[in-house]
Amino acid sequence: MKTESLHGLYLEQLRDLYDAEHQLIEALPKMAKASVSPELRSAFEEHWEQTKEHARRIETIVEAMGVKAKGQKCKAMEGLVKEGAEVIKEDMEDDVKDAALIAAAQRVEHYEMAGYGCVRTYASLLGDQKASAILEKTLQEEKEADETLGGIAEQVNVAIPRGTQNAKRAANIPGRRSKSAA
């Protein structure tokens, strides 16, 4: 079906975000379980509760428009969630895994911030100030989640052994001679 208006685009994007939030509702408990850092686990668990509320908010906005929220598949979130699932499965040192989980989660947050920023603007342009305020609240919560993850990353990342010399040798970077070639 061809989208021909800002209202149609707005609805399409809300449905996309609704599906994205539902994908996260499934993924966040797995990420929490895979976390070693108690702070990271707690952040994932808290954001899981927020995510359920974000989905309810979208459902309320869309149903006020007289339609269902379901119907749009968020392929971008599907890819981001798959990347997070791959991190969970990988064999990594604990701090490295937490750092990788944070990186995956921050990609998700940035995607959501872009989406919520757009739909908030569409709601405002369409004169729906109530929806605009609700979407602004969600946008701020996504930004706060990203900031929380960034703060935890600062703690986790400093605990990771650097290993740069070994990594350069393993990658066989030109201009670097290995011990056997010396």
C-alpha atoms as a PDB file:
ATOM      1  CA  MET A   1       0.000   0.000   0.000  1.00  0.00           C
ATOM      2  CA  LYS A   2       1.337   3.400  -0.979  1.00  0.00           C
ATOM      3  CA  THR A   3       1.866   5.903   1.845  1.00  0.00           C
ATOM      4  CA  GLU A   4       0.514   9.209   0.593  1.00  0.00           C
ATOM      5  CA  SER A   5       0.388  11.507   3.603  1.00  0.00           C
ATOM      6  CA  LEU A   6       2.218  12.545   6.741  1.00  0.00           C
ATOM      7  CA  HIS A   7      -0.561  10.889   8.734  1.00  0.00           C
ATOM      8  CA  GLY A   8       0.033   7.609   6.883  1.00  0.00           C
ATOM      9  CA  LEU A   9       3.779   7.835   7.452  1.00  0.00           C
ATOM     10  CA  TYR A  10       3.202   8.647  11.122  1.00  0.00           C
ATOM     11  CA  LEU A  11       1.002   5.568  11.556  1.00  0.00           C
ATOM     12  CA  GLU A  12       3.491   3.375   9.694  1.00  0.00           C
ATOM     13  CA  GLN A  13       6.357   4.595  11.871  1.00  0.00           C
ATOM     14  CA  LEU A  14       4.369   4.125  15.085  1.00  0.00           C
ATOM     15  CA  ARG A  15       3.599   0.548  14.087  1.00  0.00           C
ATOM     16  CA  ASP A  16       7.263  -0.008  13.285  1.00  0.00           C
ATOM     17  CA  LEU A  17       8.253   1.256  16.748  1.00  0.00           C
ATOM     18  CA  TYR A  18       5.529  -0.850  18.342  1.00  0.00           C
ATOM     19  CA  ASP A  19       6.980  -3.979  16.797  1.00  0.00           C
ATOM     20  CA  ALA A  20      10.502  -2.855  17.736  1.00  0.00           C
ATOM     21  CA  GLU A  21       9.461  -2.465  21.366  1.00  0.00           C
ATOM     22  CA  HIS A  22       7.901  -5.934  21.373  1.00  0.00           C
ATOM     23  CA  GLN A  23      11.077  -7.429  19.969  1.00  0.00           C
ATOM     24  CA  LEU A  24      12.985  -5.735  22.802  1.00  0.00           C
ATOM     25  CA  ILE A  25      10.541  -7.036  25.384  1.00  0.00           C
ATOM     26  CA  GLU A  26      11.696 -10.501  24.294  1.00  0.00           C
ATOM     27  CA  ALA A  27      15.412  -9.646  24.027  1.00  0.00           C
ATOM     28  CA  LEU A  28      16.119  -7.594  27.154  1.00  0.00           C
ATOM     29  CA  PRO A  29      15.672 -10.430  29.700  1.00  0.00           C
ATOM     30  CA  LYS A  30      18.175 -12.504  27.709  1.00  0.00           C
ATOM     31  CA  MET A  31      20.650  -9.629  27.700  1.00  0.00           C
ATOM     32  CA  ALA A  32      20.169  -9.143  31.441  1.00  0.00           C
ATOM     33  CA  LYS A  33      20.782 -12.827  32.078  1.00  0.00           C
ATOM     34  CA  ALA A  34      23.978 -12.734  29.979  1.00  0.00           C
ATOM     35  CA  SER A  35      25.330  -9.691  31.851  1.00  0.00           C
ATOM     36  CA  VAL A  36      27.985 -10.161  34.495  1.00  0.00           C
ATOM     37  CA  SER A  37      27.954  -6.627  35.890  1.00  0.00           C
ATOM     38  CA  PRO A  38      25.175  -6.192  38.455  1.00  0.00           C
ATOM     39  CA  GLU A  39      24.754  -2.581  37.298  1.00  0.00           C
ATOM     40  CA  LEU A  40      24.317  -3.663  33.695  1.00  0.00           C
ATOM     41  CA  ARG A  41      21.895  -6.429  34.623  1.00  0.00           C
ATOM     42  CA  SER A  42      19.867  -3.942  36.653  1.00  0.00           C
ATOM     43  CA  ALA A  43      19.887  -1.406  33.792  1.00  0.00           C
ATOM     44  CA  PHE A  44      18.572  -4.035  31.374  1.00  0.00           C
ATOM     45  CA  GLU A  45      15.885  -5.122  33.830  1.00  0.00           C
ATOM     46  CA  GLU A  46      14.773  -1.528  34.480  1.00  0.00           C
ATOM     47  CA  HIS A  47      14.691  -0.758  30.774  1.00  0.00           C
ATOM     48  CA  TRP A  48      12.671  -3.926  30.170  1.00  0.00           C
ATOM     49  CA  GLU A  49       9.952  -2.482  32.441  1.00  0.00           C
ATOM     50  CA  GLN A  50      10.156   0.858  30.608  1.00  0.00           C
ATOM     51  CA  THR A  51      10.006  -0.894  27.245  1.00  0.00           C
ATOM     52  CA  LYS A  52       6.724  -2.559  28.162  1.00  0.00           C
ATOM     53  CA  GLU A  53       5.371   0.895  29.035  1.00  0.00           C
ATOM     54  CA  HIS A  54       6.683   2.323  25.735  1.00  0.00           C
ATOM     55  CA  ALA A  55       4.739  -0.349  23.818  1.00  0.00           C
ATOM     56  CA  ARG A  56       1.580   0.449  25.836  1.00  0.00           C
ATOM     57  CA  ARG A  57       1.963   4.147  25.049  1.00  0.00           C
ATOM     58  CA  ILE A  58       2.223   3.500  21.320  1.00  0.00           C
ATOM     59  CA  GLU A  59      -0.768   1.183  21.474  1.00  0.00           C
ATOM     60  CA  THR A  60      -2.787   3.927  23.195  1.00  0.00           C
ATOM     61  CA  ILE A  61      -1.789   6.525  20.595  1.00  0.00           C
ATOM     62  CA  VAL A  62      -2.550   4.260  17.633  1.00  0.00           C
ATOM     63  CA  GLU A  63      -5.841   2.965  19.026  1.00  0.00           C
ATOM     64  CA  ALA A  64      -6.938   6.575  19.588  1.00  0.00           C
ATOM     65  CA  MET A  65      -6.543   6.891  15.806  1.00  0.00           C
ATOM     66  CA  GLY A  66      -9.070   4.071  15.419  1.00  0.00           C
ATOM     67  CA  VAL A  67      -6.665   1.377  14.205  1.00  0.00           C
ATOM     68  CA  LYS A  68      -4.582  -1.466  15.632  1.00  0.00           C
ATOM     69  CA  ALA A  69      -0.924  -1.005  16.541  1.00  0.00           C
ATOM     70  CA  LYS A  70       0.128  -4.368  15.095  1.00  0.00           C
ATOM     71  CA  GLY A  71       0.850  -4.898  11.463  1.00  0.00           C
ATOM     72  CA  GLN A  72       4.303  -3.512  10.768  1.00  0.00           C
ATOM     73  CA  LYS A  73       7.509  -5.585  11.071  1.00  0.00           C
ATOM     74  CA  CYS A  74      10.572  -3.651  12.217  1.00  0.00           C
ATOM     75  CA  LYS A  75      13.340  -5.237  10.185  1.00  0.00           C
ATOM     76  CA  ALA A  76      15.972  -2.877  11.580  1.00  0.00           C
ATOM     77  CA  MET A  77      15.240  -3.936  15.151  1.00  0.00           C
ATOM     78  CA  GLU A  78      15.178  -7.546  14.043  1.00  0.00           C
ATOM     79  CA  GLY A  79      18.759  -7.118  12.826  1.00  0.00           C
ATOM     80  CA  LEU A  80      19.852  -5.290  15.967  1.00  0.00           C
ATOM     81  CA  VAL A  81      18.316  -7.974  18.181  1.00  0.00           C
ATOM     82  CA  LYS A  82      20.068 -10.689  16.147  1.00  0.00           C
ATOM     83  CA  GLU A  83      23.390  -8.918  16.707  1.00  0.00           C
ATOM     84  CA  GLY A  84      22.705  -8.856  20.439  1.00  0.00           C
ATOM     85  CA  ALA A  85      21.840 -12.566  20.387  1.00  0.00           C
ATOM     86  CA  GLU A  86      25.134 -13.296  18.644  1.00  0.00           C
ATOM     87  CA  VAL A  87      26.995 -11.461  21.413  1.00  0.00           C
ATOM     88  CA  ILE A  88      25.209 -13.552  24.026  1.00  0.00           C
ATOM     89  CA  LYS A  89      26.333 -16.764  22.300  1.00  0.00           C
ATOM     90  CA  GLU A  90      29.967 -15.724  21.821  1.00  0.00           C
ATOM     91  CA  ASP A  91      32.687 -17.039  24.111  1.00  0.00           C
ATOM     92  CA  MET A  92      34.186 -13.905  25.694  1.00  0.00           C
ATOM     93  CA  GLU A  93      35.785 -12.801  28.908  1.00  0.00           C
ATOM     94  CA  ASP A  94      33.142 -11.432  31.301  1.00  0.00           C
ATOM     95  CA  ASP A  95      34.039  -7.740  30.997  1.00  0.00           C
ATOM     96  CA  VAL A  96      34.431  -8.032  27.231  1.00  0.00           C
ATOM     97  CA  LYS A  97      30.974  -9.621  26.959  1.00  0.00           C
ATOM     98  CA  ASP A  98      29.445  -6.843  29.066  1.00  0.00           C
ATOM     99  CA  ALA A  99      31.128  -4.232  26.852  1.00  0.00           C
ATOM    100  CA  ALA A 100      29.793  -5.986  23.734  1.00  0.00           C
ATOM    101  CA  LEU A 101      26.289  -6.170  25.241  1.00  0.00           C
ATOM    102  CA  ILE A 102      26.441  -2.449  26.013  1.00  0.00           C
ATOM    103  CA  ALA A 103      27.529  -1.689  22.445  1.00  0.00           C
ATOM    104  CA  ALA A 104      24.622  -3.732  21.073  1.00  0.00           C
ATOM    105  CA  ALA A 105      22.174  -2.075  23.465  1.00  0.00           C
ATOM    106  CA  GLN A 106      23.387   1.413  22.627  1.00  0.00           C
ATOM    107  CA  ARG A 107      22.838   0.735  18.924  1.00  0.00           C
ATOM    108  CA  VAL A 108      19.261  -0.149  19.832  1.00  0.00           C
ATOM    109  CA  GLU A 109      18.839   3.017  21.896  1.00  0.00           C
ATOM    110  CA  HIS A 110      20.138   5.202  19.083  1.00  0.00           C
ATOM    111  CA  TYR A 111      17.744   3.579  16.628  1.00  0.00           C
ATOM    112  CA  GLU A 112      14.856   4.152  19.024  1.00  0.00           C
ATOM    113  CA  MET A 113      15.863   7.765  19.661  1.00  0.00           C
ATOM    114  CA  ALA A 114      15.794   8.434  15.924  1.00  0.00           C
ATOM    115  CA  GLY A 115      12.392   6.775  15.587  1.00  0.00           C
ATOM    116  CA  TYR A 116      10.811   8.513  18.543  1.00  0.00           C
ATOM    117  CA  GLY A 117      12.220  11.865  17.473  1.00  0.00           C
ATOM    118  CA  CYS A 118      10.556  11.480  14.087  1.00  0.00           C
ATOM    119  CA  VAL A 119       7.142  10.368  15.334  1.00  0.00           C
ATOM    120  CA  ARG A 120       7.111  13.070  17.998  1.00  0.00           C
ATOM    121  CA  THR A 121       7.702  15.651  15.276  1.00  0.00           C
ATOM    122  CA  TYR A 122       4.996  14.111  13.068  1.00  0.00           C
ATOM    123  CA  ALA A 123       2.516  14.182  15.964  1.00  0.00           C
ATOM    124  CA  SER A 124       3.296  17.838  16.557  1.00  0.00           C
ATOM    125  CA  LEU A 125       2.956  18.725  12.874  1.00  0.00           C
ATOM    126  CA  LEU A 126      -0.363  16.874  12.744  1.00  0.00           C
ATOM    127  CA  GLY A 127      -1.621  18.873  15.735  1.00  0.00           C
ATOM    128  CA  ASP A 128      -1.734  15.974  18.209  1.00  0.00           C
ATOM    129  CA  GLN A 129      -0.051  17.654  21.139  1.00  0.00           C
ATOM    130  CA  LYS A 130      -1.062  14.910  23.582  1.00  0.00           C
ATOM    131  CA  ALA A 131       0.661  12.223  21.496  1.00  0.00           C
ATOM    132  CA  SER A 132       3.608  14.545  20.932  1.00  0.00           C
ATOM    133  CA  ALA A 133       4.055  14.928  24.712  1.00  0.00           C
ATOM    134  CA  ILE A 134       3.792  11.169  25.269  1.00  0.00           C
ATOM    135  CA  LEU A 135       6.336  10.486  22.538  1.00  0.00           C
ATOM    136  CA  GLU A 136       8.641  13.184  23.925  1.00  0.00           C
ATOM    137  CA  LYS A 137       8.525  11.463  27.325  1.00  0.00           C
ATOM    138  CA  THR A 138       9.489   8.155  25.707  1.00  0.00           C
ATOM    139  CA  LEU A 139      12.255   9.844  23.724  1.00  0.00           C
ATOM    140  CA  GLN A 140      13.695  11.278  26.946  1.00  0.00           C
ATOM    141  CA  GLU A 141      13.561   7.854  28.609  1.00  0.00           C
ATOM    142  CA  GLU A 142      15.439   6.325  25.662  1.00  0.00           C
ATOM    143  CA  LYS A 143      18.089   9.056  25.972  1.00  0.00           C
ATOM    144  CA  GLU A 144      18.394   8.363  29.699  1.00  0.00           C
ATOM    145  CA  ALA A 145      18.797   4.632  29.019  1.00  0.00           C
ATOM    146  CA  ASP A 146      21.577   5.422  26.546  1.00  0.00           C
ATOM    147  CA  GLU A 147      23.295   7.680  29.102  1.00  0.00           C
ATOM    148  CA  THR A 148      23.014   4.968  31.759  1.00  0.00           C
ATOM    149  CA  LEU A 149      24.589   2.445  29.400  1.00  0.00           C
ATOM    150  CA  GLY A 150      27.344   4.922  28.575  1.00  0.00           C
ATOM    151  CA  GLY A 151      28.125   5.381  32.256  1.00  0.00           C
ATOM    152  CA  ILE A 152      28.262   1.635  32.835  1.00  0.00           C
ATOM    153  CA  ALA A 153      30.470   1.278  29.743  1.00  0.00           C
ATOM    154  CA  GLU A 154      32.990   3.683  31.250  1.00  0.00           C
ATOM    155  CA  GLN A 155      33.298   1.388  34.273  1.00  0.00           C
ATOM    156  CA  VAL A 156      33.331  -1.873  32.300  1.00  0.00           C
ATOM    157  CA  ASN A 157      35.645  -0.752  29.503  1.00  0.00           C
ATOM    158  CA  VAL A 158      38.469   0.299  31.833  1.00  0.00           C
ATOM    159  CA  ALA A 159      38.492  -3.211  33.331  1.00  0.00           C
ATOM    160  CA  ILE A 160      39.133  -4.883  29.969  1.00  0.00           C
ATOM    161  CA  PRO A 161      42.756  -5.864  29.274  1.00  0.00           C
ATOM    162  CA  ARG A 162      43.984  -3.858  26.288  1.00  0.00           C
ATOM    163  CA  GLY A 163      45.945  -6.584  24.483  1.00  0.00           C
ATOM    164  CA  THR A 164      46.797  -4.250  21.603  1.00  0.00           C
ATOM    165  CA  GLN A 165      50.203  -5.779  20.829  1.00  0.00           C
ATOM    166  CA  ASN A 166      48.826  -9.288  20.636  1.00  0.00           C
ATOM    167  CA  ALA A 167      45.871  -8.104  18.586  1.00  0.00           C
ATOM    168  CA  LYS A 168      48.174  -6.385  16.085  1.00  0.00           C
ATOM    169  CA  ARG A 169      50.295  -9.505  15.759  1.00  0.00           C
ATOM    170  CA  ALA A 170      47.238 -11.690  15.368  1.00  0.00           C
ATOM    171  CA  ALA A 171      45.895  -9.409  12.674  1.00  0.00           C
ATOM    172  CA  ASN A 172      49.311  -9.463  10.962  1.00  0.00           C
ATOM    173  CA  ILE A 173      49.230  -5.730  10.376  1.00  0.00           C
ATOM    174  CA  PRO A 174      51.754  -4.630   7.699  1.00  0.00           C
ATOM    175  CA  GLY A 175      54.783  -2.863   9.141  1.00  0.00           C
ATOM    176  CA  ARG A 176      54.715  -4.952  12.299  1.00  0.00           C
ATOM    177  CA  ARG A 177      57.134  -7.812  12.588  1.00  0.00           C
ATOM    178  CA  SER A 178      56.254 -10.800  14.701  1.00  0.00           C
ATOM    179  CA  LYS A 179      58.830 -12.260  17.085  1.00  0.00           C
ATOM    180  CA  SER A 180      59.444 -15.172  14.724  1.00  0.00           C
ATOM    181  CA  ALA A 181      60.293 -12.777  11.883  1.00  0.00           C
ATOM    182  CA  ALA A 182      62.664 -10.685  14.017  1.00  0.00           C
END
